[in-house]
Amino acid sequence: MSIEEIVAHNSHELTAHLLITERSERAAERERHYAEQARLRATMEQAHIIGLRVLVMREVGRKSARLDALVEGTS
């Protein structure tokens, strides 16, 4: 249903209510999206730090490393 159809068949108060509700839902959806993006960026940053630690250990000749040593301090 288009906005024009809503306006033609309903009161202006209902139309305003529907538009305000939609705007509010879009804002909430946008906030959830931003929060998910932030979570993914944090996860990628942790993975990057762990990867750099692995490269440093390999450069100094280490063939193995404890996982807790790699992950420590990244969260």
PDB file of N, CA and C in Angstrom:
ATOM      1  N   MET A   1       0.853  -1.169   0.000  1.00  0.00           N
ATOM      2  CA  MET A   1       0.000   0.000   0.000  1.00  0.00           C
ATOM      3  C   MET A   1       0.904   1.240   0.000  1.00  0.00           C
ATOM      4  N   SER A   2       0.629   2.175  -0.878  1.00  0.00           N
ATOM      5  CA  SER A   2       1.431   3.386  -0.975  1.00  0.00           C
ATOM      6  C   SER A   2       0.969   4.428   0.039  1.00  0.00           C
ATOM      7  N   ILE A   3       1.795   5.435   0.238  1.00  0.00           N
ATOM      8  CA  ILE A   3       1.436   6.516   1.152  1.00  0.00           C
ATOM      9  C   ILE A   3       0.192   7.234   0.647  1.00  0.00           C
ATOM     10  N   GLU A   4       0.090   7.398  -0.653  1.00  0.00           N
ATOM     11  CA  GLU A   4      -1.077   8.072  -1.219  1.00  0.00           C
ATOM     12  C   GLU A   4      -2.367   7.307  -0.915  1.00  0.00           C
ATOM     13  N   GLU A   5      -2.310   5.986  -0.998  1.00  0.00           N
ATOM     14  CA  GLU A   5      -3.484   5.163  -0.687  1.00  0.00           C
ATOM     15  C   GLU A   5      -3.835   5.249   0.798  1.00  0.00           C
ATOM     16  N   ILE A   6      -2.826   5.258   1.646  1.00  0.00           N
ATOM     17  CA  ILE A   6      -3.076   5.371   3.084  1.00  0.00           C
ATOM     18  C   ILE A   6      -3.752   6.703   3.389  1.00  0.00           C
ATOM     19  N   VAL A   7      -3.232   7.793   2.820  1.00  0.00           N
ATOM     20  CA  VAL A   7      -3.790   9.119   3.066  1.00  0.00           C
ATOM     21  C   VAL A   7      -5.216   9.210   2.540  1.00  0.00           C
ATOM     22  N   ALA A   8      -5.467   8.639   1.365  1.00  0.00           N
ATOM     23  CA  ALA A   8      -6.792   8.728   0.749  1.00  0.00           C
ATOM     24  C   ALA A   8      -7.836   7.941   1.528  1.00  0.00           C
ATOM     25  N   HIS A   9      -7.451   6.855   2.174  1.00  0.00           N
ATOM     26  CA  HIS A   9      -8.425   5.981   2.814  1.00  0.00           C
ATOM     27  C   HIS A   9      -8.437   6.061   4.344  1.00  0.00           C
ATOM     28  N   ASN A  10      -7.569   6.851   4.936  1.00  0.00           N
ATOM     29  CA  ASN A  10      -7.478   6.911   6.394  1.00  0.00           C
ATOM     30  C   ASN A  10      -7.388   8.359   6.873  1.00  0.00           C
ATOM     31  N   SER A  11      -7.505   8.530   8.148  1.00  0.00           N
ATOM     32  CA  SER A  11      -7.405   9.868   8.725  1.00  0.00           C
ATOM     33  C   SER A  11      -5.951  10.331   8.727  1.00  0.00           C
ATOM     34  N   HIS A  12      -5.781  11.623   8.834  1.00  0.00           N
ATOM     35  CA  HIS A  12      -4.425  12.175   8.884  1.00  0.00           C
ATOM     36  C   HIS A  12      -3.704  11.742  10.148  1.00  0.00           C
ATOM     37  N   GLU A  13      -4.450  11.549  11.241  1.00  0.00           N
ATOM     38  CA  GLU A  13      -3.837  11.105  12.481  1.00  0.00           C
ATOM     39  C   GLU A  13      -3.256   9.697  12.333  1.00  0.00           C
ATOM     40  N   LEU A  14      -4.027   8.823  11.665  1.00  0.00           N
ATOM     41  CA  LEU A  14      -3.546   7.459  11.443  1.00  0.00           C
ATOM     42  C   LEU A  14      -2.330   7.474  10.527  1.00  0.00           C
ATOM     43  N   THR A  15      -2.388   8.272   9.487  1.00  0.00           N
ATOM     44  CA  THR A  15      -1.264   8.377   8.564  1.00  0.00           C
ATOM     45  C   THR A  15      -0.015   8.851   9.300  1.00  0.00           C
ATOM     46  N   ALA A  16      -0.168   9.887  10.116  1.00  0.00           N
ATOM     47  CA  ALA A  16       0.972  10.394  10.889  1.00  0.00           C
ATOM     48  C   ALA A  16       1.499   9.320  11.827  1.00  0.00           C
ATOM     49  N   HIS A  17       0.603   8.597  12.480  1.00  0.00           N
ATOM     50  CA  HIS A  17       1.012   7.529  13.391  1.00  0.00           C
ATOM     51  C   HIS A  17       1.800   6.454  12.647  1.00  0.00           C
ATOM     52  N   LEU A  18       1.315   6.053  11.483  1.00  0.00           N
ATOM     53  CA  LEU A  18       2.008   5.025  10.704  1.00  0.00           C
ATOM     54  C   LEU A  18       3.387   5.494  10.270  1.00  0.00           C
ATOM     55  N   LEU A  19       3.502   6.740   9.854  1.00  0.00           N
ATOM     56  CA  LEU A  19       4.792   7.262   9.415  1.00  0.00           C
ATOM     57  C   LEU A  19       5.772   7.382  10.584  1.00  0.00           C
ATOM     58  N   ILE A  20       5.284   7.830  11.728  1.00  0.00           N
ATOM     59  CA  ILE A  20       6.144   7.953  12.908  1.00  0.00           C
ATOM     60  C   ILE A  20       6.606   6.576  13.370  1.00  0.00           C
ATOM     61  N   THR A  21       5.698   5.614  13.353  1.00  0.00           N
ATOM     62  CA  THR A  21       6.056   4.242  13.736  1.00  0.00           C
ATOM     63  C   THR A  21       7.118   3.679  12.800  1.00  0.00           C
ATOM     64  N   GLU A  22       6.937   3.891  11.514  1.00  0.00           N
ATOM     65  CA  GLU A  22       7.910   3.394  10.526  1.00  0.00           C
ATOM     66  C   GLU A  22       9.267   4.054  10.736  1.00  0.00           C
ATOM     67  N   ARG A  23       9.278   5.352  10.981  1.00  0.00           N
ATOM     68  CA  ARG A  23      10.535   6.062  11.215  1.00  0.00           C
ATOM     69  C   ARG A  23      11.233   5.515  12.457  1.00  0.00           C
ATOM     70  N   SER A  24      10.472   5.248  13.498  1.00  0.00           N
ATOM     71  CA  SER A  24      11.034   4.706  14.728  1.00  0.00           C
ATOM     72  C   SER A  24      11.621   3.311  14.500  1.00  0.00           C
ATOM     73  N   GLU A  25      10.890   2.492  13.745  1.00  0.00           N
ATOM     74  CA  GLU A  25      11.384   1.134  13.449  1.00  0.00           C
ATOM     75  C   GLU A  25      12.659   1.190  12.619  1.00  0.00           C
ATOM     76  N   ARG A  26      12.724   2.107  11.667  1.00  0.00           N
ATOM     77  CA  ARG A  26      13.932   2.247  10.842  1.00  0.00           C
ATOM     78  C   ARG A  26      15.115   2.694  11.690  1.00  0.00           C
ATOM     79  N   ALA A  27      14.880   3.611  12.632  1.00  0.00           N
ATOM     80  CA  ALA A  27      15.953   4.083  13.509  1.00  0.00           C
ATOM     81  C   ALA A  27      16.474   2.932  14.368  1.00  0.00           C
ATOM     82  N   ALA A  28      15.572   2.117  14.892  1.00  0.00           N
ATOM     83  CA  ALA A  28      15.983   0.968  15.707  1.00  0.00           C
ATOM     84  C   ALA A  28      16.765  -0.032  14.862  1.00  0.00           C
ATOM     85  N   GLU A  29      16.313  -0.244  13.638  1.00  0.00           N
ATOM     86  CA  GLU A  29      17.013  -1.158  12.730  1.00  0.00           C
ATOM     87  C   GLU A  29      18.413  -0.634  12.425  1.00  0.00           C
ATOM     88  N   ARG A  30      18.529   0.669  12.214  1.00  0.00           N
ATOM     89  CA  ARG A  30      19.825   1.282  11.939  1.00  0.00           C
ATOM     90  C   ARG A  30      20.760   1.126  13.146  1.00  0.00           C
ATOM     91  N   GLU A  31      20.246   1.318  14.355  1.00  0.00           N
ATOM     92  CA  GLU A  31      21.060   1.157  15.558  1.00  0.00           C
ATOM     93  C   GLU A  31      21.545  -0.283  15.714  1.00  0.00           C
ATOM     94  N   ARG A  32      20.668  -1.254  15.421  1.00  0.00           N
ATOM     95  CA  ARG A  32      21.084  -2.668  15.479  1.00  0.00           C
ATOM     96  C   ARG A  32      22.182  -2.938  14.456  1.00  0.00           C
ATOM     97  N   HIS A  33      22.043  -2.349  13.291  1.00  0.00           N
ATOM     98  CA  HIS A  33      23.036  -2.523  12.232  1.00  0.00           C
ATOM     99  C   HIS A  33      24.384  -1.943  12.672  1.00  0.00           C
ATOM    100  N   TYR A  34      24.376  -0.744  13.250  1.00  0.00           N
ATOM    101  CA  TYR A  34      25.615  -0.129  13.715  1.00  0.00           C
ATOM    102  C   TYR A  34      26.261  -0.954  14.822  1.00  0.00           C
ATOM    103  N   ALA A  35      25.455  -1.498  15.719  1.00  0.00           N
ATOM    104  CA  ALA A  35      25.985  -2.336  16.800  1.00  0.00           C
ATOM    105  C   ALA A  35      26.624  -3.606  16.232  1.00  0.00           C
ATOM    106  N   GLU A  36      25.993  -4.197  15.241  1.00  0.00           N
ATOM    107  CA  GLU A  36      26.548  -5.403  14.613  1.00  0.00           C
ATOM    108  C   GLU A  36      27.851  -5.076  13.890  1.00  0.00           C
ATOM    109  N   GLN A  37      27.893  -3.942  13.219  1.00  0.00           N
ATOM    110  CA  GLN A  37      29.133  -3.532  12.559  1.00  0.00           C
ATOM    111  C   GLN A  37      30.256  -3.354  13.586  1.00  0.00           C
ATOM    112  N   ALA A  38      29.959  -2.731  14.709  1.00  0.00           N
ATOM    113  CA  ALA A  38      30.966  -2.526  15.754  1.00  0.00           C
ATOM    114  C   ALA A  38      31.453  -3.862  16.295  1.00  0.00           C
ATOM    115  N   ARG A  39      30.521  -4.807  16.482  1.00  0.00           N
ATOM    116  CA  ARG A  39      30.904  -6.130  16.979  1.00  0.00           C
ATOM    117  C   ARG A  39      31.823  -6.832  15.985  1.00  0.00           C
ATOM    118  N   LEU A  40      31.493  -6.749  14.705  1.00  0.00           N
ATOM    119  CA  LEU A  40      32.321  -7.386  13.679  1.00  0.00           C
ATOM    120  C   LEU A  40      33.700  -6.726  13.586  1.00  0.00           C
ATOM    121  N   ARG A  41      33.751  -5.388  13.697  1.00  0.00           N
ATOM    122  CA  ARG A  41      35.046  -4.705  13.675  1.00  0.00           C
ATOM    123  C   ARG A  41      35.909  -5.143  14.850  1.00  0.00           C
ATOM    124  N   ALA A  42      35.306  -5.299  16.029  1.00  0.00           N
ATOM    125  CA  ALA A  42      36.057  -5.738  17.209  1.00  0.00           C
ATOM    126  C   ALA A  42      36.587  -7.150  17.010  1.00  0.00           C
ATOM    127  N   THR A  43      35.772  -8.020  16.452  1.00  0.00           N
ATOM    128  CA  THR A  43      36.201  -9.398  16.182  1.00  0.00           C
ATOM    129  C   THR A  43      37.347  -9.419  15.180  1.00  0.00           C
ATOM    130  N   MET A  44      37.242  -8.602  14.139  1.00  0.00           N
ATOM    131  CA  MET A  44      38.305  -8.542  13.133  1.00  0.00           C
ATOM    132  C   MET A  44      39.596  -7.990  13.729  1.00  0.00           C
ATOM    133  N   GLU A  45      39.475  -7.017  14.613  1.00  0.00           N
ATOM    134  CA  GLU A  45      40.656  -6.453  15.276  1.00  0.00           C
ATOM    135  C   GLU A  45      41.330  -7.513  16.152  1.00  0.00           C
ATOM    136  N   GLN A  46      40.539  -8.291  16.878  1.00  0.00           N
ATOM    137  CA  GLN A  46      41.110  -9.369  17.698  1.00  0.00           C
ATOM    138  C   GLN A  46      41.839 -10.373  16.815  1.00  0.00           C
ATOM    139  N   ALA A  47      41.230 -10.758  15.702  1.00  0.00           N
ATOM    140  CA  ALA A  47      41.855 -11.718  14.789  1.00  0.00           C
ATOM    141  C   ALA A  47      43.150 -11.149  14.220  1.00  0.00           C
ATOM    142  N   HIS A  48      43.149  -9.868  13.922  1.00  0.00           N
ATOM    143  CA  HIS A  48      44.343  -9.214  13.398  1.00  0.00           C
ATOM    144  C   HIS A  48      45.482  -9.257  14.420  1.00  0.00           C
ATOM    145  N   ILE A  49      45.169  -8.936  15.668  1.00  0.00           N
ATOM    146  CA  ILE A  49      46.180  -8.944  16.729  1.00  0.00           C
ATOM    147  C   ILE A  49      46.742 -10.347  16.914  1.00  0.00           C
ATOM    148  N   ILE A  50      45.873 -11.347  16.939  1.00  0.00           N
ATOM    149  CA  ILE A  50      46.330 -12.740  17.103  1.00  0.00           C
ATOM    150  C   ILE A  50      47.222 -13.133  15.929  1.00  0.00           C
ATOM    151  N   GLY A  51      46.815 -12.759  14.724  1.00  0.00           N
ATOM    152  CA  GLY A  51      47.621 -13.065  13.541  1.00  0.00           C
ATOM    153  C   GLY A  51      48.997 -12.431  13.600  1.00  0.00           C
ATOM    154  N   LEU A  52      49.055 -11.187  14.046  1.00  0.00           N
ATOM    155  CA  LEU A  52      50.358 -10.521  14.184  1.00  0.00           C
ATOM    156  C   LEU A  52      51.232 -11.221  15.214  1.00  0.00           C
ATOM    157  N   ARG A  53      50.628 -11.664  16.300  1.00  0.00           N
ATOM    158  CA  ARG A  53      51.397 -12.388  17.320  1.00  0.00           C
ATOM    159  C   ARG A  53      51.956 -13.692  16.766  1.00  0.00           C
ATOM    160  N   VAL A  54      51.164 -14.382  15.951  1.00  0.00           N
ATOM    161  CA  VAL A  54      51.637 -15.621  15.325  1.00  0.00           C
ATOM    162  C   VAL A  54      52.820 -15.324  14.413  1.00  0.00           C
ATOM    163  N   LEU A  55      52.723 -14.264  13.624  1.00  0.00           N
ATOM    164  CA  LEU A  55      53.823 -13.912  12.721  1.00  0.00           C
ATOM    165  C   LEU A  55      55.098 -13.574  13.496  1.00  0.00           C
ATOM    166  N   VAL A  56      54.960 -12.836  14.589  1.00  0.00           N
ATOM    167  CA  VAL A  56      56.132 -12.493  15.407  1.00  0.00           C
ATOM    168  C   VAL A  56      56.760 -13.757  15.981  1.00  0.00           C
ATOM    169  N   MET A  57      55.938 -14.658  16.500  1.00  0.00           N
ATOM    170  CA  MET A  57      56.468 -15.908  17.055  1.00  0.00           C
ATOM    171  C   MET A  57      57.171 -16.724  15.982  1.00  0.00           C
ATOM    172  N   ARG A  58      56.613 -16.751  14.785  1.00  0.00           N
ATOM    173  CA  ARG A  58      57.246 -17.493  13.694  1.00  0.00           C
ATOM    174  C   ARG A  58      58.581 -16.854  13.320  1.00  0.00           C
ATOM    175  N   GLU A  59      58.628 -15.518  13.330  1.00  0.00           N
ATOM    176  CA  GLU A  59      59.863 -14.810  12.989  1.00  0.00           C
ATOM    177  C   GLU A  59      60.988 -15.093  13.990  1.00  0.00           C
ATOM    178  N   VAL A  60      60.631 -15.282  15.246  1.00  0.00           N
ATOM    179  CA  VAL A  60      61.669 -15.559  16.251  1.00  0.00           C
ATOM    180  C   VAL A  60      61.964 -17.045  16.360  1.00  0.00           C
ATOM    181  N   GLY A  61      61.367 -17.847  15.494  1.00  0.00           N
ATOM    182  CA  GLY A  61      61.702 -19.262  15.428  1.00  0.00           C
ATOM    183  C   GLY A  61      60.815 -20.194  16.230  1.00  0.00           C
ATOM    184  N   ARG A  62      59.740 -19.685  16.795  1.00  0.00           N
ATOM    185  CA  ARG A  62      58.856 -20.559  17.568  1.00  0.00           C
ATOM    186  C   ARG A  62      58.013 -21.382  16.590  1.00  0.00           C
ATOM    187  N   LYS A  63      57.909 -22.682  16.866  1.00  0.00           N
ATOM    188  CA  LYS A  63      57.107 -23.561  16.021  1.00  0.00           C
ATOM    189  C   LYS A  63      55.724 -23.798  16.592  1.00  0.00           C
ATOM    190  N   SER A  64      55.535 -23.491  17.849  1.00  0.00           N
ATOM    191  CA  SER A  64      54.224 -23.661  18.469  1.00  0.00           C
ATOM    192  C   SER A  64      54.024 -22.563  19.511  1.00  0.00           C
ATOM    193  N   ALA A  65      52.759 -22.343  19.835  1.00  0.00           N
ATOM    194  CA  ALA A  65      52.437 -21.326  20.843  1.00  0.00           C
ATOM    195  C   ALA A  65      51.182 -21.760  21.567  1.00  0.00           C
ATOM    196  N   ARG A  66      51.079 -21.339  22.796  1.00  0.00           N
ATOM    197  CA  ARG A  66      49.865 -21.630  23.559  1.00  0.00           C
ATOM    198  C   ARG A  66      48.769 -20.674  23.097  1.00  0.00           C
ATOM    199  N   LEU A  67      47.601 -21.211  22.903  1.00  0.00           N
ATOM    200  CA  LEU A  67      46.477 -20.404  22.444  1.00  0.00           C
ATOM    201  C   LEU A  67      46.161 -19.272  23.416  1.00  0.00           C
ATOM    202  N   ASP A  68      46.219 -19.562  24.715  1.00  0.00           N
ATOM    203  CA  ASP A  68      45.902 -18.508  25.691  1.00  0.00           C
ATOM    204  C   ASP A  68      46.915 -17.367  25.618  1.00  0.00           C
ATOM    205  N   ALA A  69      48.148 -17.659  25.235  1.00  0.00           N
ATOM    206  CA  ALA A  69      49.159 -16.610  25.084  1.00  0.00           C
ATOM    207  C   ALA A  69      48.850 -15.721  23.874  1.00  0.00           C
ATOM    208  N   LEU A  70      48.291 -16.318  22.835  1.00  0.00           N
ATOM    209  CA  LEU A  70      47.940 -15.551  21.648  1.00  0.00           C
ATOM    210  C   LEU A  70      46.706 -14.692  21.868  1.00  0.00           C
ATOM    211  N   VAL A  71      45.748 -15.219  22.574  1.00  0.00           N
ATOM    212  CA  VAL A  71      44.464 -14.552  22.766  1.00  0.00           C
ATOM    213  C   VAL A  71      44.502 -13.545  23.903  1.00  0.00           C
ATOM    214  N   GLU A  72      45.399 -13.734  24.840  1.00  0.00           N
ATOM    215  CA  GLU A  72      45.491 -12.893  26.040  1.00  0.00           C
ATOM    216  C   GLU A  72      45.548 -11.409  25.682  1.00  0.00           C
ATOM    217  N   GLY A  73      44.664 -10.641  26.298  1.00  0.00           N
ATOM    218  CA  GLY A  73      44.661  -9.192  26.110  1.00  0.00           C
ATOM    219  C   GLY A  73      44.019  -8.695  24.837  1.00  0.00           C
ATOM    220  N   THR A  74      43.360  -9.548  24.072  1.00  0.00           N
ATOM    221  CA  THR A  74      42.743  -9.080  22.820  1.00  0.00           C
ATOM    222  C   THR A  74      41.271  -8.757  22.996  1.00  0.00           C
ATOM    223  N   SER A  75      40.671  -9.091  24.115  1.00  0.00           N
ATOM    224  CA  SER A  75      39.229  -8.834  24.244  1.00  0.00           C
ATOM    225  C   SER A  75      38.954  -7.578  25.024  1.00  0.00           C
TER     226      SER A  75
END
